[in-house]
Amino acid sequence: FVESGGGLVQPGGSLRLHCSASESLSSIYVMAWYR
């Protein structure tokens, strides 16, 4: 997995993070975000 989209943002702001996989996720039952 490769994550992208992070950065510096002010409180109250928004960001959209992206996670790309090396192969199709069609056979993966559950994907998740952690921090």
Full PDB file with SEQRES, HELIX, SHEET, SSBOND, CRYST1, ORIGX, SCALE, CONECT and MASTER records, all heavy atoms in Angstrom:
SEQRES   1 A   35  PHE VAL GLU SER GLY GLY GLY LEU VAL GLN PRO GLY GLY          
SEQRES   2 A   35  SER LEU ARG LEU HIS CYS SER ALA SER GLU SER LEU SER          
SEQRES   3 A   35  SER ILE TYR VAL MET ALA TRP TYR ARG                          
SHEET    1 AA1 2 VAL A   2  SER A   4  0                                        
SHEET    2 AA1 2 HIS A  18  SER A  20 -1                                        
CRYST1    1.000    1.000    1.000  90.00  90.00  90.00 P 1           1          
ORIGX1      1.000000  0.000000  0.000000        0.00000                         
ORIGX2      0.000000  1.000000  0.000000        0.00000                         
ORIGX3      0.000000  0.000000  1.000000        0.00000                         
SCALE1      1.000000  0.000000  0.000000        0.00000                         
SCALE2      0.000000  1.000000  0.000000        0.00000                         
SCALE3      0.000000  0.000000  1.000000        0.00000                         
ATOM      1  N   PHE A   1       0.825  -1.201   0.000  1.00  0.00           N  
ATOM      2  CA  PHE A   1       0.000   0.000   0.000  1.00  0.00           C  
ATOM      3  C   PHE A   1       0.861   1.252   0.000  1.00  0.00           C  
ATOM      4  O   PHE A   1       1.923   1.293   0.630  1.00  0.00           O  
ATOM      5  CB  PHE A   1      -0.915   0.021   1.222  1.00  0.00           C  
ATOM      6  CG  PHE A   1      -1.777  -1.199   1.349  1.00  0.00           C  
ATOM      7  CD1 PHE A   1      -1.480  -2.175   2.285  1.00  0.00           C  
ATOM      8  CD2 PHE A   1      -2.873  -1.377   0.526  1.00  0.00           C  
ATOM      9  CE1 PHE A   1      -2.268  -3.304   2.402  1.00  0.00           C  
ATOM     10  CE2 PHE A   1      -3.666  -2.502   0.627  1.00  0.00           C  
ATOM     11  CZ  PHE A   1      -3.365  -3.472   1.578  1.00  0.00           C  
ATOM     12  N   VAL A   2       0.395   2.279  -0.714  1.00  0.00           N  
ATOM     13  CA  VAL A   2       1.059   3.565  -0.763  1.00  0.00           C  
ATOM     14  C   VAL A   2       0.047   4.648  -0.432  1.00  0.00           C  
ATOM     15  O   VAL A   2      -0.949   4.807  -1.137  1.00  0.00           O  
ATOM     16  CB  VAL A   2       1.687   3.836  -2.139  1.00  0.00           C  
ATOM     17  CG1 VAL A   2       2.343   5.210  -2.156  1.00  0.00           C  
ATOM     18  CG2 VAL A   2       2.710   2.760  -2.483  1.00  0.00           C  
ATOM     19  N   GLU A   3       0.315   5.392   0.636  1.00  0.00           N  
ATOM     20  CA  GLU A   3      -0.572   6.457   1.075  1.00  0.00           C  
ATOM     21  C   GLU A   3      -0.090   7.805   0.549  1.00  0.00           C  
ATOM     22  O   GLU A   3       1.110   8.036   0.428  1.00  0.00           O  
ATOM     23  CB  GLU A   3      -0.630   6.510   2.609  1.00  0.00           C  
ATOM     24  CG  GLU A   3      -1.106   5.218   3.271  1.00  0.00           C  
ATOM     25  CD  GLU A   3       0.021   4.253   3.605  1.00  0.00           C  
ATOM     26  OE1 GLU A   3       1.165   4.451   3.118  1.00  0.00           O  
ATOM     27  OE2 GLU A   3      -0.226   3.302   4.362  1.00  0.00           O  
ATOM     28  N   SER A   4      -1.029   8.693   0.271  1.00  0.00           N  
ATOM     29  CA  SER A   4      -0.694  10.029  -0.192  1.00  0.00           C  
ATOM     30  C   SER A   4      -1.811  10.991   0.174  1.00  0.00           C  
ATOM     31  O   SER A   4      -2.883  10.577   0.598  1.00  0.00           O  
ATOM     32  CB  SER A   4      -0.448  10.046  -1.702  1.00  0.00           C  
ATOM     33  OG  SER A   4      -1.616   9.662  -2.409  1.00  0.00           O  
ATOM     34  N   GLY A   5      -1.558  12.275  -0.010  1.00  0.00           N  
ATOM     35  CA  GLY A   5      -2.576  13.291   0.208  1.00  0.00           C  
ATOM     36  C   GLY A   5      -2.450  14.068   1.495  1.00  0.00           C  
ATOM     37  O   GLY A   5      -3.213  15.016   1.718  1.00  0.00           O  
ATOM     38  N   GLY A   6      -1.516  13.693   2.347  1.00  0.00           N  
ATOM     39  CA  GLY A   6      -1.343  14.412   3.595  1.00  0.00           C  
ATOM     40  C   GLY A   6      -0.726  15.778   3.371  1.00  0.00           C  
ATOM     41  O   GLY A   6      -0.298  16.123   2.279  1.00  0.00           O  
ATOM     42  N   GLY A   7      -0.691  16.561   4.434  1.00  0.00           N  
ATOM     43  CA  GLY A   7      -0.121  17.888   4.353  1.00  0.00           C  
ATOM     44  C   GLY A   7      -0.455  18.704   5.579  1.00  0.00           C  
ATOM     45  O   GLY A   7      -0.935  18.178   6.584  1.00  0.00           O  
ATOM     46  N   LEU A   8      -0.194  19.991   5.492  1.00  0.00           N  
ATOM     47  CA  LEU A   8      -0.477  20.928   6.574  1.00  0.00           C  
ATOM     48  C   LEU A   8      -1.815  21.598   6.323  1.00  0.00           C  
ATOM     49  O   LEU A   8      -2.065  22.111   5.228  1.00  0.00           O  
ATOM     50  CB  LEU A   8       0.631  21.980   6.661  1.00  0.00           C  
ATOM     51  CG  LEU A   8       0.448  23.105   7.680  1.00  0.00           C  
ATOM     52  CD1 LEU A   8       0.426  22.546   9.098  1.00  0.00           C  
ATOM     53  CD2 LEU A   8       1.555  24.133   7.520  1.00  0.00           C  
ATOM     54  N   VAL A   9      -2.664  21.593   7.328  1.00  0.00           N  
ATOM     55  CA  VAL A   9      -3.980  22.197   7.203  1.00  0.00           C  
ATOM     56  C   VAL A   9      -4.341  22.898   8.511  1.00  0.00           C  
ATOM     57  O   VAL A   9      -3.915  22.478   9.588  1.00  0.00           O  
ATOM     58  CB  VAL A   9      -5.038  21.130   6.832  1.00  0.00           C  
ATOM     59  CG1 VAL A   9      -5.173  20.092   7.940  1.00  0.00           C  
ATOM     60  CG2 VAL A   9      -6.379  21.770   6.523  1.00  0.00           C  
ATOM     61  N   GLN A  10      -5.110  23.967   8.409  1.00  0.00           N  
ATOM     62  CA  GLN A  10      -5.541  24.690   9.600  1.00  0.00           C  
ATOM     63  C   GLN A  10      -6.686  23.962  10.291  1.00  0.00           C  
ATOM     64  O   GLN A  10      -7.430  23.207   9.659  1.00  0.00           O  
ATOM     65  CB  GLN A  10      -5.984  26.104   9.233  1.00  0.00           C  
ATOM     66  CG  GLN A  10      -4.859  26.994   8.731  1.00  0.00           C  
ATOM     67  CD  GLN A  10      -5.312  28.415   8.481  1.00  0.00           C  
ATOM     68  OE1 GLN A  10      -6.505  28.674   8.280  1.00  0.00           O  
ATOM     69  NE2 GLN A  10      -4.371  29.338   8.495  1.00  0.00           N  
ATOM     70  N   PRO A  11      -6.843  24.164  11.597  1.00  0.00           N  
ATOM     71  CA  PRO A  11      -7.985  23.577  12.291  1.00  0.00           C  
ATOM     72  C   PRO A  11      -9.288  23.949  11.595  1.00  0.00           C  
ATOM     73  O   PRO A  11      -9.474  25.087  11.169  1.00  0.00           O  
ATOM     74  CB  PRO A  11      -7.907  24.185  13.692  1.00  0.00           C  
ATOM     75  CG  PRO A  11      -6.450  24.470  13.875  1.00  0.00           C  
ATOM     76  CD  PRO A  11      -5.964  24.913  12.519  1.00  0.00           C  
ATOM     77  N   GLY A  12     -10.178  22.977  11.483  1.00  0.00           N  
ATOM     78  CA  GLY A  12     -11.433  23.178  10.786  1.00  0.00           C  
ATOM     79  C   GLY A  12     -11.361  22.884   9.303  1.00  0.00           C  
ATOM     80  O   GLY A  12     -12.405  22.830   8.638  1.00  0.00           O  
ATOM     81  N   GLY A  13     -10.166  22.677   8.796  1.00  0.00           N  
ATOM     82  CA  GLY A  13      -9.982  22.411   7.387  1.00  0.00           C  
ATOM     83  C   GLY A  13     -10.225  20.961   7.021  1.00  0.00           C  
ATOM     84  O   GLY A  13     -10.599  20.140   7.854  1.00  0.00           O  
ATOM     85  N   SER A  14      -9.979  20.650   5.747  1.00  0.00           N  
ATOM     86  CA  SER A  14     -10.231  19.315   5.218  1.00  0.00           C  
ATOM     87  C   SER A  14      -9.051  18.809   4.407  1.00  0.00           C  
ATOM     88  O   SER A  14      -8.295  19.589   3.823  1.00  0.00           O  
ATOM     89  CB  SER A  14     -11.473  19.313   4.320  1.00  0.00           C  
ATOM     90  OG  SER A  14     -12.636  19.674   5.033  1.00  0.00           O  
ATOM     91  N   LEU A  15      -8.909  17.505   4.376  1.00  0.00           N  
ATOM     92  CA  LEU A  15      -7.947  16.830   3.526  1.00  0.00           C  
ATOM     93  C   LEU A  15      -8.575  15.532   3.035  1.00  0.00           C  
ATOM     94  O   LEU A  15      -9.432  14.966   3.714  1.00  0.00           O  
ATOM     95  CB  LEU A  15      -6.653  16.497   4.269  1.00  0.00           C  
ATOM     96  CG  LEU A  15      -5.642  17.611   4.526  1.00  0.00           C  
ATOM     97  CD1 LEU A  15      -4.517  17.077   5.407  1.00  0.00           C  
ATOM     98  CD2 LEU A  15      -5.085  18.149   3.217  1.00  0.00           C  
ATOM     99  N   ARG A  16      -8.131  15.081   1.878  1.00  0.00           N  
ATOM    100  CA  ARG A  16      -8.564  13.786   1.364  1.00  0.00           C  
ATOM    101  C   ARG A  16      -7.328  12.932   1.134  1.00  0.00           C  
ATOM    102  O   ARG A  16      -6.484  13.269   0.302  1.00  0.00           O  
ATOM    103  CB  ARG A  16      -9.362  13.932   0.069  1.00  0.00           C  
ATOM    104  CG  ARG A  16     -10.060  12.636  -0.365  1.00  0.00           C  
ATOM    105  CD  ARG A  16     -10.896  12.854  -1.613  1.00  0.00           C  
ATOM    106  NE  ARG A  16     -11.626  11.665  -2.008  1.00  0.00           N  
ATOM    107  CZ  ARG A  16     -12.883  11.402  -1.681  1.00  0.00           C  
ATOM    108  NH1 ARG A  16     -13.571  12.275  -0.937  1.00  0.00           N  
ATOM    109  NH2 ARG A  16     -13.469  10.291  -2.092  1.00  0.00           N  
ATOM    110  N   LEU A  17      -7.227  11.846   1.873  1.00  0.00           N  
ATOM    111  CA  LEU A  17      -6.109  10.936   1.757  1.00  0.00           C  
ATOM    112  C   LEU A  17      -6.427   9.832   0.761  1.00  0.00           C  
ATOM    113  O   LEU A  17      -7.581   9.424   0.610  1.00  0.00           O  
ATOM    114  CB  LEU A  17      -5.770  10.310   3.108  1.00  0.00           C  
ATOM    115  CG  LEU A  17      -5.496  11.280   4.260  1.00  0.00           C  
ATOM    116  CD1 LEU A  17      -5.063  10.500   5.495  1.00  0.00           C  
ATOM    117  CD2 LEU A  17      -4.452  12.312   3.868  1.00  0.00           C  
ATOM    118  N   HIS A  18      -5.398   9.353   0.093  1.00  0.00           N  
ATOM    119  CA  HIS A  18      -5.556   8.313  -0.912  1.00  0.00           C  
ATOM    120  C   HIS A  18      -4.626   7.154  -0.598  1.00  0.00           C  
ATOM    121  O   HIS A  18      -3.481   7.363  -0.193  1.00  0.00           O  
ATOM    122  CB  HIS A  18      -5.245   8.882  -2.299  1.00  0.00           C  
ATOM    123  CG  HIS A  18      -5.433   7.916  -3.414  1.00  0.00           C  
ATOM    124  ND1 HIS A  18      -6.675   7.556  -3.882  1.00  0.00           N  
ATOM    125  CD2 HIS A  18      -4.528   7.228  -4.161  1.00  0.00           C  
ATOM    126  CE1 HIS A  18      -6.537   6.694  -4.871  1.00  0.00           C  
ATOM    127  NE2 HIS A  18      -5.240   6.478  -5.057  1.00  0.00           N  
ATOM    128  N   CYS A  19      -5.111   5.960  -0.799  1.00  0.00           N  
ATOM    129  CA  CYS A  19      -4.323   4.749  -0.607  1.00  0.00           C  
ATOM    130  C   CYS A  19      -4.429   3.897  -1.852  1.00  0.00           C  
ATOM    131  O   CYS A  19      -5.523   3.458  -2.220  1.00  0.00           O  
ATOM    132  CB  CYS A  19      -4.830   3.970   0.606  1.00  0.00           C  
ATOM    133  SG  CYS A  19      -4.160   2.297   0.756  1.00  0.00           S  
ATOM    134  N   SER A  20      -3.307   3.682  -2.517  1.00  0.00           N  
ATOM    135  CA  SER A  20      -3.287   2.814  -3.683  1.00  0.00           C  
ATOM    136  C   SER A  20      -2.632   1.488  -3.322  1.00  0.00           C  
ATOM    137  O   SER A  20      -1.686   1.443  -2.540  1.00  0.00           O  
ATOM    138  CB  SER A  20      -2.551   3.477  -4.843  1.00  0.00           C  
ATOM    139  OG  SER A  20      -1.204   3.741  -4.505  1.00  0.00           O  
ATOM    140  N   ALA A  21      -3.132   0.418  -3.909  1.00  0.00           N  
ATOM    141  CA  ALA A  21      -2.639  -0.915  -3.635  1.00  0.00           C  
ATOM    142  C   ALA A  21      -1.889  -1.468  -4.837  1.00  0.00           C  
ATOM    143  O   ALA A  21      -2.133  -1.063  -5.974  1.00  0.00           O  
ATOM    144  CB  ALA A  21      -3.788  -1.849  -3.265  1.00  0.00           C  
ATOM    145  N   SER A  22      -0.988  -2.398  -4.574  1.00  0.00           N  
ATOM    146  CA  SER A  22      -0.190  -2.991  -5.632  1.00  0.00           C  
ATOM    147  C   SER A  22      -0.983  -3.963  -6.492  1.00  0.00           C  
ATOM    148  O   SER A  22      -0.506  -4.373  -7.549  1.00  0.00           O  
ATOM    149  CB  SER A  22       1.028  -3.702  -5.038  1.00  0.00           C  
ATOM    150  OG  SER A  22       0.631  -4.735  -4.161  1.00  0.00           O  
ATOM    151  N   GLU A  23      -2.161  -4.335  -6.038  1.00  0.00           N  
ATOM    152  CA  GLU A  23      -3.027  -5.222  -6.781  1.00  0.00           C  
ATOM    153  C   GLU A  23      -4.469  -4.870  -6.472  1.00  0.00           C  
ATOM    154  O   GLU A  23      -4.749  -4.081  -5.574  1.00  0.00           O  
ATOM    155  CB  GLU A  23      -2.744  -6.692  -6.447  1.00  0.00           C  
ATOM    156  CG  GLU A  23      -2.945  -7.039  -4.989  1.00  0.00           C  
ATOM    157  CD  GLU A  23      -2.484  -8.443  -4.655  1.00  0.00           C  
ATOM    158  OE1 GLU A  23      -1.267  -8.692  -4.698  1.00  0.00           O  
ATOM    159  OE2 GLU A  23      -3.352  -9.296  -4.369  1.00  0.00           O  
ATOM    160  N   SER A  24      -5.395  -5.463  -7.217  1.00  0.00           N  
ATOM    161  CA  SER A  24      -6.807  -5.184  -7.015  1.00  0.00           C  
ATOM    162  C   SER A  24      -7.245  -5.518  -5.594  1.00  0.00           C  
ATOM    163  O   SER A  24      -6.812  -6.506  -5.011  1.00  0.00           O  
ATOM    164  CB  SER A  24      -7.646  -5.979  -8.016  1.00  0.00           C  
ATOM    165  OG  SER A  24      -9.026  -5.817  -7.765  1.00  0.00           O  
ATOM    166  N   LEU A  25      -8.116  -4.688  -5.059  1.00  0.00           N  
ATOM    167  CA  LEU A  25      -8.674  -4.912  -3.726  1.00  0.00           C  
ATOM    168  C   LEU A  25      -9.970  -5.702  -3.770  1.00  0.00           C  
ATOM    169  O   LEU A  25     -10.619  -5.878  -2.742  1.00  0.00           O  
ATOM    170  CB  LEU A  25      -8.919  -3.574  -3.031  1.00  0.00           C  
ATOM    171  CG  LEU A  25      -7.698  -2.676  -2.818  1.00  0.00           C  
ATOM    172  CD1 LEU A  25      -8.125  -1.365  -2.162  1.00  0.00           C  
ATOM    173  CD2 LEU A  25      -6.656  -3.383  -1.974  1.00  0.00           C  
ATOM    174  N   SER A  26     -10.339  -6.188  -4.941  1.00  0.00           N  
ATOM    175  CA  SER A  26     -11.631  -6.857  -5.100  1.00  0.00           C  
ATOM    176  C   SER A  26     -11.763  -8.099  -4.230  1.00  0.00           C  
ATOM    177  O   SER A  26     -12.878  -8.484  -3.869  1.00  0.00           O  
ATOM    178  CB  SER A  26     -11.863  -7.216  -6.567  1.00  0.00           C  
ATOM    179  OG  SER A  26     -10.867  -8.105  -7.045  1.00  0.00           O  
ATOM    180  N   SER A  27     -10.644  -8.725  -3.896  1.00  0.00           N  
ATOM    181  CA  SER A  27     -10.686  -9.941  -3.084  1.00  0.00           C  
ATOM    182  C   SER A  27     -10.371  -9.692  -1.611  1.00  0.00           C  
ATOM    183  O   SER A  27     -10.305 -10.640  -0.834  1.00  0.00           O  
ATOM    184  CB  SER A  27      -9.715 -10.976  -3.647  1.00  0.00           C  
ATOM    185  OG  SER A  27      -8.383 -10.521  -3.591  1.00  0.00           O  
ATOM    186  N   ILE A  28     -10.180  -8.433  -1.248  1.00  0.00           N  
ATOM    187  CA  ILE A  28      -9.901  -8.078   0.144  1.00  0.00           C  
ATOM    188  C   ILE A  28     -11.204  -7.643   0.799  1.00  0.00           C  
ATOM    189  O   ILE A  28     -11.819  -6.667   0.380  1.00  0.00           O  
ATOM    190  CB  ILE A  28      -8.840  -6.972   0.236  1.00  0.00           C  
ATOM    191  CG1 ILE A  28      -7.530  -7.452  -0.389  1.00  0.00           C  
ATOM    192  CG2 ILE A  28      -8.626  -6.562   1.689  1.00  0.00           C  
ATOM    193  CD1 ILE A  28      -6.431  -6.417  -0.397  1.00  0.00           C  
ATOM    194  N   TYR A  29     -11.608  -8.363   1.845  1.00  0.00           N  
ATOM    195  CA  TYR A  29     -12.903  -8.103   2.461  1.00  0.00           C  
ATOM    196  C   TYR A  29     -12.980  -6.749   3.150  1.00  0.00           C  
ATOM    197  O   TYR A  29     -13.977  -6.043   3.030  1.00  0.00           O  
ATOM    198  CB  TYR A  29     -13.233  -9.209   3.467  1.00  0.00           C  
ATOM    199  CG  TYR A  29     -13.459 -10.567   2.851  1.00  0.00           C  
ATOM    200  CD1 TYR A  29     -12.839 -11.694   3.359  1.00  0.00           C  
ATOM    201  CD2 TYR A  29     -14.321 -10.718   1.765  1.00  0.00           C  
ATOM    202  CE1 TYR A  29     -13.047 -12.943   2.799  1.00  0.00           C  
ATOM    203  CE2 TYR A  29     -14.534 -11.961   1.196  1.00  0.00           C  
ATOM    204  CZ  TYR A  29     -13.893 -13.068   1.722  1.00  0.00           C  
ATOM    205  OH  TYR A  29     -14.110 -14.302   1.165  1.00  0.00           O  
ATOM    206  N   VAL A  30     -11.945  -6.392   3.894  1.00  0.00           N  
ATOM    207  CA  VAL A  30     -11.962  -5.174   4.687  1.00  0.00           C  
ATOM    208  C   VAL A  30     -10.668  -4.390   4.500  1.00  0.00           C  
ATOM    209  O   VAL A  30      -9.576  -4.927   4.660  1.00  0.00           O  
ATOM    210  CB  VAL A  30     -12.163  -5.468   6.189  1.00  0.00           C  
ATOM    211  CG1 VAL A  30     -12.248  -4.168   6.977  1.00  0.00           C  
ATOM    212  CG2 VAL A  30     -13.417  -6.308   6.411  1.00  0.00           C  
ATOM    213  N   MET A  31     -10.812  -3.113   4.168  1.00  0.00           N  
ATOM    214  CA  MET A  31      -9.693  -2.191   4.149  1.00  0.00           C  
ATOM    215  C   MET A  31      -9.899  -1.171   5.252  1.00  0.00           C  
ATOM    216  O   MET A  31     -11.031  -0.842   5.611  1.00  0.00           O  
ATOM    217  CB  MET A  31      -9.581  -1.489   2.799  1.00  0.00           C  
ATOM    218  CG  MET A  31      -9.027  -2.366   1.690  1.00  0.00           C  
ATOM    219  SD  MET A  31      -7.272  -2.786   1.986  1.00  0.00           S  
ATOM    220  CE  MET A  31      -6.512  -1.158   1.967  1.00  0.00           C  
ATOM    221  N   ALA A  32      -8.805  -0.662   5.782  1.00  0.00           N  
ATOM    222  CA  ALA A  32      -8.906   0.232   6.920  1.00  0.00           C  
ATOM    223  C   ALA A  32      -7.854   1.323   6.892  1.00  0.00           C  
ATOM    224  O   ALA A  32      -6.818   1.198   6.233  1.00  0.00           O  
ATOM    225  CB  ALA A  32      -8.784  -0.562   8.226  1.00  0.00           C  
ATOM    226  N   TRP A  33      -8.136   2.392   7.608  1.00  0.00           N  
ATOM    227  CA  TRP A  33      -7.185   3.455   7.866  1.00  0.00           C  
ATOM    228  C   TRP A  33      -6.801   3.435   9.335  1.00  0.00           C  
ATOM    229  O   TRP A  33      -7.645   3.212  10.208  1.00  0.00           O  
ATOM    230  CB  TRP A  33      -7.758   4.828   7.515  1.00  0.00           C  
ATOM    231  CG  TRP A  33      -7.774   5.126   6.040  1.00  0.00           C  
ATOM    232  CD1 TRP A  33      -8.812   4.934   5.176  1.00  0.00           C  
ATOM    233  CD2 TRP A  33      -6.702   5.673   5.270  1.00  0.00           C  
ATOM    234  NE1 TRP A  33      -8.453   5.331   3.910  1.00  0.00           N  
ATOM    235  CE2 TRP A  33      -7.161   5.789   3.934  1.00  0.00           C  
ATOM    236  CE3 TRP A  33      -5.397   6.084   5.572  1.00  0.00           C  
ATOM    237  CZ2 TRP A  33      -6.361   6.291   2.905  1.00  0.00           C  
ATOM    238  CZ3 TRP A  33      -4.602   6.584   4.551  1.00  0.00           C  
ATOM    239  CH2 TRP A  33      -5.084   6.684   3.240  1.00  0.00           C  
ATOM    240  N   TYR A  34      -5.526   3.683   9.590  1.00  0.00           N  
ATOM    241  CA  TYR A  34      -4.981   3.787  10.933  1.00  0.00           C  
ATOM    242  C   TYR A  34      -4.173   5.071  11.015  1.00  0.00           C  
ATOM    243  O   TYR A  34      -3.823   5.661   9.994  1.00  0.00           O  
ATOM    244  CB  TYR A  34      -4.073   2.603  11.257  1.00  0.00           C  
ATOM    245  CG  TYR A  34      -4.740   1.252  11.202  1.00  0.00           C  
ATOM    246  CD1 TYR A  34      -4.958   0.614   9.985  1.00  0.00           C  
ATOM    247  CD2 TYR A  34      -5.144   0.611  12.367  1.00  0.00           C  
ATOM    248  CE1 TYR A  34      -5.567  -0.622   9.925  1.00  0.00           C  
ATOM    249  CE2 TYR A  34      -5.751  -0.633  12.319  1.00  0.00           C  
ATOM    250  CZ  TYR A  34      -5.956  -1.245  11.093  1.00  0.00           C  
ATOM    251  OH  TYR A  34      -6.560  -2.473  11.044  1.00  0.00           O  
ATOM    252  N   ARG A  35      -3.864   5.498  12.213  1.00  0.00           N  
ATOM    253  CA  ARG A  35      -2.986   6.655  12.365  1.00  0.00           C  
ATOM    254  C   ARG A  35      -2.116   6.486  13.597  1.00  0.00           C  
ATOM    255  O   ARG A  35      -2.450   5.755  14.526  1.00  0.00           O  
ATOM    256  CB  ARG A  35      -3.784   7.963  12.458  1.00  0.00           C  
ATOM    257  CG  ARG A  35      -4.619   8.117  13.716  1.00  0.00           C  
ATOM    258  CD  ARG A  35      -5.446   9.392  13.636  1.00  0.00           C  
ATOM    259  NE  ARG A  35      -6.254   9.594  14.833  1.00  0.00           N  
ATOM    260  CZ  ARG A  35      -7.172  10.536  14.955  1.00  0.00           C  
ATOM    261  NH1 ARG A  35      -7.403  11.387  13.950  1.00  0.00           N  
ATOM    262  NH2 ARG A  35      -7.859  10.644  16.086  1.00  0.00           N  
TER     263      ARG A  35                                                      
MASTER        0    0    0    0    2    0    0    6  262    1    0    3          
END                                                                             
